[in-house]
């Protein structure tokens, strides 16, 4: 079975402002993803610029079919 991660996050931008997400889900490979890897993935996948800090607040890995091809 494929794995997904469900998590909450806060992203703070170096030029001000922030972005928050709750219950966000992403496909992952394997049984584990570190907070740092998850933060990098979010920033890259959303093509965010001027990111100052990313906080992963809650994280749960579970079995579910991947949504992306």
PDB file of N, CA and C in Angstrom:
ATOM      1  N   UNK A   1       0.846  -1.187   0.000  1.00  0.00           N
ATOM      2  CA  UNK A   1       0.000   0.000   0.000  1.00  0.00           C
ATOM      3  C   UNK A   1       0.884   1.240   0.000  1.00  0.00           C
ATOM      4  N   UNK A   2       0.449   2.250  -0.689  1.00  0.00           N
ATOM      5  CA  UNK A   2       1.197   3.506  -0.769  1.00  0.00           C
ATOM      6  C   UNK A   2       0.977   4.338   0.499  1.00  0.00           C
ATOM      7  N   UNK A   3       1.885   5.263   0.731  1.00  0.00           N
ATOM      8  CA  UNK A   3       1.841   6.092   1.944  1.00  0.00           C
ATOM      9  C   UNK A   3       1.577   7.549   1.601  1.00  0.00           C
ATOM     10  N   UNK A   4       0.874   8.206   2.510  1.00  0.00           N
ATOM     11  CA  UNK A   4       0.640   9.646   2.421  1.00  0.00           C
ATOM     12  C   UNK A   4       0.924  10.240   3.794  1.00  0.00           C
ATOM     13  N   UNK A   5       1.141  11.528   3.818  1.00  0.00           N
ATOM     14  CA  UNK A   5       1.330  12.225   5.083  1.00  0.00           C
ATOM     15  C   UNK A   5       0.276  13.330   5.169  1.00  0.00           C
ATOM     16  N   UNK A   6      -0.318  13.457   6.347  1.00  0.00           N
ATOM     17  CA  UNK A   6      -1.299  14.511   6.629  1.00  0.00           C
ATOM     18  C   UNK A   6      -0.678  15.393   7.707  1.00  0.00           C
ATOM     19  N   UNK A   7      -0.684  16.708   7.491  1.00  0.00           N
ATOM     20  CA  UNK A   7       0.029  17.582   8.423  1.00  0.00           C
ATOM     21  C   UNK A   7      -0.534  18.994   8.415  1.00  0.00           C
ATOM     22  N   UNK A   8      -0.200  19.724   9.454  1.00  0.00           N
ATOM     23  CA  UNK A   8      -0.485  21.155   9.558  1.00  0.00           C
ATOM     24  C   UNK A   8       0.844  21.871   9.423  1.00  0.00           C
ATOM     25  N   UNK A   9       0.821  23.085   8.870  1.00  0.00           N
ATOM     26  CA  UNK A   9       2.070  23.824   8.711  1.00  0.00           C
ATOM     27  C   UNK A   9       1.840  25.326   8.791  1.00  0.00           C
ATOM     28  N   UNK A  10       2.906  26.027   9.075  1.00  0.00           N
ATOM     29  CA  UNK A  10       2.955  27.490   9.029  1.00  0.00           C
ATOM     30  C   UNK A  10       4.202  27.871   8.256  1.00  0.00           C
ATOM     31  N   UNK A  11       4.052  28.768   7.310  1.00  0.00           N
ATOM     32  CA  UNK A  11       5.184  29.275   6.536  1.00  0.00           C
ATOM     33  C   UNK A  11       5.245  30.779   6.749  1.00  0.00           C
ATOM     34  N   UNK A  12       6.409  31.264   7.147  1.00  0.00           N
ATOM     35  CA  UNK A  12       6.628  32.693   7.369  1.00  0.00           C
ATOM     36  C   UNK A  12       7.578  33.203   6.301  1.00  0.00           C
ATOM     37  N   UNK A  13       7.232  34.314   5.697  1.00  0.00           N
ATOM     38  CA  UNK A  13       8.029  34.874   4.617  1.00  0.00           C
ATOM     39  C   UNK A  13       8.955  35.961   5.134  1.00  0.00           C
ATOM     40  N   UNK A  14      10.143  36.029   4.552  1.00  0.00           N
ATOM     41  CA  UNK A  14      11.154  36.986   4.995  1.00  0.00           C
ATOM     42  C   UNK A  14      10.749  38.429   4.714  1.00  0.00           C
ATOM     43  N   UNK A  15       9.825  38.644   3.788  1.00  0.00           N
ATOM     44  CA  UNK A  15       9.355  40.002   3.487  1.00  0.00           C
ATOM     45  C   UNK A  15       8.012  40.301   4.138  1.00  0.00           C
ATOM     46  N   UNK A  16       7.612  39.470   5.114  1.00  0.00           N
ATOM     47  CA  UNK A  16       6.369  39.668   5.845  1.00  0.00           C
ATOM     48  C   UNK A  16       5.283  38.711   5.378  1.00  0.00           C
ATOM     49  N   UNK A  17       4.315  38.494   6.238  1.00  0.00           N
ATOM     50  CA  UNK A  17       3.196  37.628   5.904  1.00  0.00           C
ATOM     51  C   UNK A  17       3.469  36.166   6.212  1.00  0.00           C
ATOM     52  N   UNK A  18       2.421  35.398   6.118  1.00  0.00           N
ATOM     53  CA  UNK A  18       2.532  33.970   6.399  1.00  0.00           C
ATOM     54  C   UNK A  18       1.449  33.203   5.652  1.00  0.00           C
ATOM     55  N   UNK A  19       1.618  31.904   5.630  1.00  0.00           N
ATOM     56  CA  UNK A  19       0.676  30.989   4.990  1.00  0.00           C
ATOM     57  C   UNK A  19       0.519  29.810   5.932  1.00  0.00           C
ATOM     58  N   UNK A  20      -0.733  29.402   6.194  1.00  0.00           N
ATOM     59  CA  UNK A  20      -0.976  28.291   7.103  1.00  0.00           C
ATOM     60  C   UNK A  20      -1.857  27.256   6.428  1.00  0.00           C
ATOM     61  N   UNK A  21      -1.604  26.007   6.735  1.00  0.00           N
ATOM     62  CA  UNK A  21      -2.413  24.924   6.191  1.00  0.00           C
ATOM     63  C   UNK A  21      -2.760  23.925   7.277  1.00  0.00           C
ATOM     64  N   UNK A  22      -3.963  23.374   7.209  1.00  0.00           N
ATOM     65  CA  UNK A  22      -4.415  22.372   8.174  1.00  0.00           C
ATOM     66  C   UNK A  22      -4.898  21.148   7.433  1.00  0.00           C
ATOM     67  N   UNK A  23      -4.467  19.982   7.874  1.00  0.00           N
ATOM     68  CA  UNK A  23      -4.910  18.744   7.271  1.00  0.00           C
ATOM     69  C   UNK A  23      -4.440  18.560   5.844  1.00  0.00           C
ATOM     70  N   UNK A  24      -3.321  19.184   5.489  1.00  0.00           N
ATOM     71  CA  UNK A  24      -2.754  19.106   4.147  1.00  0.00           C
ATOM     72  C   UNK A  24      -2.224  17.696   3.926  1.00  0.00           C
ATOM     73  N   UNK A  25      -2.448  17.121   2.745  1.00  0.00           N
ATOM     74  CA  UNK A  25      -2.009  15.752   2.459  1.00  0.00           C
ATOM     75  C   UNK A  25      -1.091  15.720   1.249  1.00  0.00           C
ATOM     76  N   UNK A  26      -0.043  14.903   1.359  1.00  0.00           N
ATOM     77  CA  UNK A  26       0.901  14.717   0.257  1.00  0.00           C
ATOM     78  C   UNK A  26       1.280  13.243   0.148  1.00  0.00           C
ATOM     79  N   UNK A  27       1.532  12.805  -1.079  1.00  0.00           N
ATOM     80  CA  UNK A  27       2.059  11.462  -1.322  1.00  0.00           C
ATOM     81  C   UNK A  27       3.527  11.434  -0.895  1.00  0.00           C
ATOM     82  N   UNK A  28       3.953  10.329  -0.267  1.00  0.00           N
ATOM     83  CA  UNK A  28       5.364  10.170   0.079  1.00  0.00           C
ATOM     84  C   UNK A  28       5.830   8.770  -0.306  1.00  0.00           C
ATOM     85  N   UNK A  29       7.126   8.627  -0.406  1.00  0.00           N
ATOM     86  CA  UNK A  29       7.748   7.326  -0.645  1.00  0.00           C
ATOM     87  C   UNK A  29       8.245   6.807   0.692  1.00  0.00           C
ATOM     88  N   UNK A  30       7.920   5.591   1.040  1.00  0.00           N
ATOM     89  CA  UNK A  30       8.391   5.008   2.282  1.00  0.00           C
ATOM     90  C   UNK A  30       7.479   5.304   3.448  1.00  0.00           C
ATOM     91  N   UNK A  31       7.971   4.955   4.654  1.00  0.00           N
ATOM     92  CA  UNK A  31       7.168   5.053   5.868  1.00  0.00           C
ATOM     93  C   UNK A  31       7.438   6.318   6.687  1.00  0.00           C
ATOM     94  N   UNK A  32       8.382   7.140   6.248  1.00  0.00           N
ATOM     95  CA  UNK A  32       8.793   8.278   7.075  1.00  0.00           C
ATOM     96  C   UNK A  32       9.248   9.434   6.197  1.00  0.00           C
ATOM     97  N   UNK A  33       8.966  10.649   6.658  1.00  0.00           N
ATOM     98  CA  UNK A  33       9.515  11.864   6.044  1.00  0.00           C
ATOM     99  C   UNK A  33       9.827  12.825   7.189  1.00  0.00           C
ATOM    100  N   UNK A  34      11.014  13.384   7.195  1.00  0.00           N
ATOM    101  CA  UNK A  34      11.406  14.305   8.270  1.00  0.00           C
ATOM    102  C   UNK A  34      10.684  15.641   8.089  1.00  0.00           C
ATOM    103  N   UNK A  35      10.630  16.414   9.158  1.00  0.00           N
ATOM    104  CA  UNK A  35      10.010  17.739   9.074  1.00  0.00           C
ATOM    105  C   UNK A  35      10.742  18.615   8.058  1.00  0.00           C
ATOM    106  N   UNK A  36      12.073  18.523   8.037  1.00  0.00           N
ATOM    107  CA  UNK A  36      12.863  19.316   7.086  1.00  0.00           C
ATOM    108  C   UNK A  36      12.572  18.941   5.646  1.00  0.00           C
ATOM    109  N   UNK A  37      12.490  17.632   5.366  1.00  0.00           N
ATOM    110  CA  UNK A  37      12.168  17.181   4.011  1.00  0.00           C
ATOM    111  C   UNK A  37      10.764  17.620   3.609  1.00  0.00           C
ATOM    112  N   UNK A  38       9.843  17.534   4.550  1.00  0.00           N
ATOM    113  CA  UNK A  38       8.464  17.941   4.288  1.00  0.00           C
ATOM    114  C   UNK A  38       8.386  19.443   4.012  1.00  0.00           C
ATOM    115  N   UNK A  39       9.100  20.232   4.792  1.00  0.00           N
ATOM    116  CA  UNK A  39       9.139  21.682   4.583  1.00  0.00           C
ATOM    117  C   UNK A  39       9.709  22.018   3.208  1.00  0.00           C
ATOM    118  N   UNK A  40      10.815  21.374   2.843  1.00  0.00           N
ATOM    119  CA  UNK A  40      11.412  21.609   1.525  1.00  0.00           C
ATOM    120  C   UNK A  40      10.447  21.228   0.405  1.00  0.00           C
ATOM    121  N   UNK A  41       9.752  20.118   0.579  1.00  0.00           N
ATOM    122  CA  UNK A  41       8.808  19.649  -0.431  1.00  0.00           C
ATOM    123  C   UNK A  41       7.676  20.653  -0.637  1.00  0.00           C
ATOM    124  N   UNK A  42       7.122  21.173   0.462  1.00  0.00           N
ATOM    125  CA  UNK A  42       6.024  22.150   0.369  1.00  0.00           C
ATOM    126  C   UNK A  42       6.479  23.390  -0.383  1.00  0.00           C
ATOM    127  N   UNK A  43       7.620  23.946   0.022  1.00  0.00           N
ATOM    128  CA  UNK A  43       8.133  25.182  -0.585  1.00  0.00           C
ATOM    129  C   UNK A  43       8.393  24.982  -2.076  1.00  0.00           C
ATOM    130  N   UNK A  44       9.012  23.868  -2.430  1.00  0.00           N
ATOM    131  CA  UNK A  44       9.316  23.603  -3.835  1.00  0.00           C
ATOM    132  C   UNK A  44       8.047  23.335  -4.640  1.00  0.00           C
ATOM    133  N   UNK A  45       7.156  22.507  -4.106  1.00  0.00           N
ATOM    134  CA  UNK A  45       5.957  22.125  -4.838  1.00  0.00           C
ATOM    135  C   UNK A  45       5.012  23.309  -5.041  1.00  0.00           C
ATOM    136  N   UNK A  46       4.962  24.220  -4.079  1.00  0.00           N
ATOM    137  CA  UNK A  46       4.094  25.386  -4.192  1.00  0.00           C
ATOM    138  C   UNK A  46       4.803  26.570  -4.854  1.00  0.00           C
ATOM    139  N   UNK A  47       6.084  26.358  -5.178  1.00  0.00           N
ATOM    140  CA  UNK A  47       6.909  27.381  -5.840  1.00  0.00           C
ATOM    141  C   UNK A  47       6.915  28.701  -5.067  1.00  0.00           C
ATOM    142  N   UNK A  48       7.132  28.584  -3.766  1.00  0.00           N
ATOM    143  CA  UNK A  48       7.139  29.769  -2.905  1.00  0.00           C
ATOM    144  C   UNK A  48       8.508  30.431  -2.909  1.00  0.00           C
ATOM    145  N   UNK A  49       8.502  31.744  -2.838  1.00  0.00           N
ATOM    146  CA  UNK A  49       9.730  32.531  -2.805  1.00  0.00           C
ATOM    147  C   UNK A  49       9.817  33.285  -1.482  1.00  0.00           C
ATOM    148  N   UNK A  50      11.009  33.662  -1.116  1.00  0.00           N
ATOM    149  CA  UNK A  50      11.285  34.482   0.066  1.00  0.00           C
ATOM    150  C   UNK A  50      10.759  33.839   1.348  1.00  0.00           C
ATOM    151  N   UNK A  51      10.912  32.528   1.452  1.00  0.00           N
ATOM    152  CA  UNK A  51      10.477  31.803   2.642  1.00  0.00           C
ATOM    153  C   UNK A  51      11.518  31.967   3.735  1.00  0.00           C
ATOM    154  N   UNK A  52      11.068  32.402   4.898  1.00  0.00           N
ATOM    155  CA  UNK A  52      11.968  32.580   6.026  1.00  0.00           C
ATOM    156  C   UNK A  52      12.001  31.364   6.937  1.00  0.00           C
ATOM    157  N   UNK A  53      10.836  30.871   7.321  1.00  0.00           N
ATOM    158  CA  UNK A  53      10.754  29.743   8.255  1.00  0.00           C
ATOM    159  C   UNK A  53       9.534  28.896   7.923  1.00  0.00           C
ATOM    160  N   UNK A  54       9.676  27.593   8.072  1.00  0.00           N
ATOM    161  CA  UNK A  54       8.557  26.667   7.901  1.00  0.00           C
ATOM    162  C   UNK A  54       8.450  25.839   9.170  1.00  0.00           C
ATOM    163  N   UNK A  55       7.267  25.787   9.731  1.00  0.00           N
ATOM    164  CA  UNK A  55       7.016  24.977  10.926  1.00  0.00           C
ATOM    165  C   UNK A  55       6.017  23.874  10.570  1.00  0.00           C
ATOM    166  N   UNK A  56       6.384  22.659  10.871  1.00  0.00           N
ATOM    167  CA  UNK A  56       5.477  21.531  10.731  1.00  0.00           C
ATOM    168  C   UNK A  56       4.897  21.286  12.126  1.00  0.00           C
ATOM    169  N   UNK A  57       3.585  21.422  12.254  1.00  0.00           N
ATOM    170  CA  UNK A  57       2.977  21.399  13.582  1.00  0.00           C
ATOM    171  C   UNK A  57       2.440  20.036  13.978  1.00  0.00           C
ATOM    172  N   UNK A  58       2.004  19.275  13.030  1.00  0.00           N
ATOM    173  CA  UNK A  58       1.433  17.955  13.306  1.00  0.00           C
ATOM    174  C   UNK A  58       1.670  17.115  12.071  1.00  0.00           C
ATOM    175  N   UNK A  59       1.987  15.865  12.266  1.00  0.00           N
ATOM    176  CA  UNK A  59       2.306  15.022  11.109  1.00  0.00           C
ATOM    177  C   UNK A  59       1.874  13.595  11.397  1.00  0.00           C
ATOM    178  N   UNK A  60       1.176  13.006  10.426  1.00  0.00           N
ATOM    179  CA  UNK A  60       0.709  11.627  10.545  1.00  0.00           C
ATOM    180  C   UNK A  60       0.912  10.922   9.208  1.00  0.00           C
ATOM    181  N   UNK A  61       1.664   9.831   9.208  1.00  0.00           N
ATOM    182  CA  UNK A  61       1.865   9.027   7.995  1.00  0.00           C
ATOM    183  C   UNK A  61       0.856   7.879   8.046  1.00  0.00           C
ATOM    184  N   UNK A  62       0.185   7.635   6.931  1.00  0.00           N
ATOM    185  CA  UNK A  62      -0.827   6.588   6.883  1.00  0.00           C
ATOM    186  C   UNK A  62      -0.881   5.968   5.497  1.00  0.00           C
ATOM    187  N   UNK A  63      -1.543   4.828   5.409  1.00  0.00           N
ATOM    188  CA  UNK A  63      -1.677   4.133   4.131  1.00  0.00           C
ATOM    189  C   UNK A  63      -2.880   4.674   3.372  1.00  0.00           C
ATOM    190  N   UNK A  64      -2.627   5.045   2.122  1.00  0.00           N
ATOM    191  CA  UNK A  64      -3.681   5.518   1.226  1.00  0.00           C
ATOM    192  C   UNK A  64      -3.081   5.578  -0.160  1.00  0.00           C
ATOM    193  N   UNK A  65      -3.881   5.295  -1.149  1.00  0.00           N
ATOM    194  CA  UNK A  65      -3.383   5.337  -2.536  1.00  0.00           C
ATOM    195  C   UNK A  65      -2.918   6.739  -2.884  1.00  0.00           C
ATOM    196  N   UNK A  66      -1.817   6.822  -3.611  1.00  0.00           N
ATOM    197  CA  UNK A  66      -1.311   8.112  -4.066  1.00  0.00           C
ATOM    198  C   UNK A  66      -2.318   8.782  -4.986  1.00  0.00           C
ATOM    199  N   UNK A  67      -2.373  10.093  -4.938  1.00  0.00           N
ATOM    200  CA  UNK A  67      -3.315  10.871  -5.740  1.00  0.00           C
ATOM    201  C   UNK A  67      -2.676  11.399  -7.019  1.00  0.00           C
ATOM    202  N   UNK A  68      -1.350  11.572  -6.987  1.00  0.00           N
ATOM    203  CA  UNK A  68      -0.640  12.059  -8.186  1.00  0.00           C
ATOM    204  C   UNK A  68      -0.153  10.884  -9.007  1.00  0.00           C
ATOM    205  N   UNK A  69      -0.045  11.105 -10.270  1.00  0.00           N
ATOM    206  CA  UNK A  69       0.471  10.058 -11.153  1.00  0.00           C
ATOM    207  C   UNK A  69       1.978  10.097 -11.177  1.00  0.00           C
TER     208      UNK A  69
END
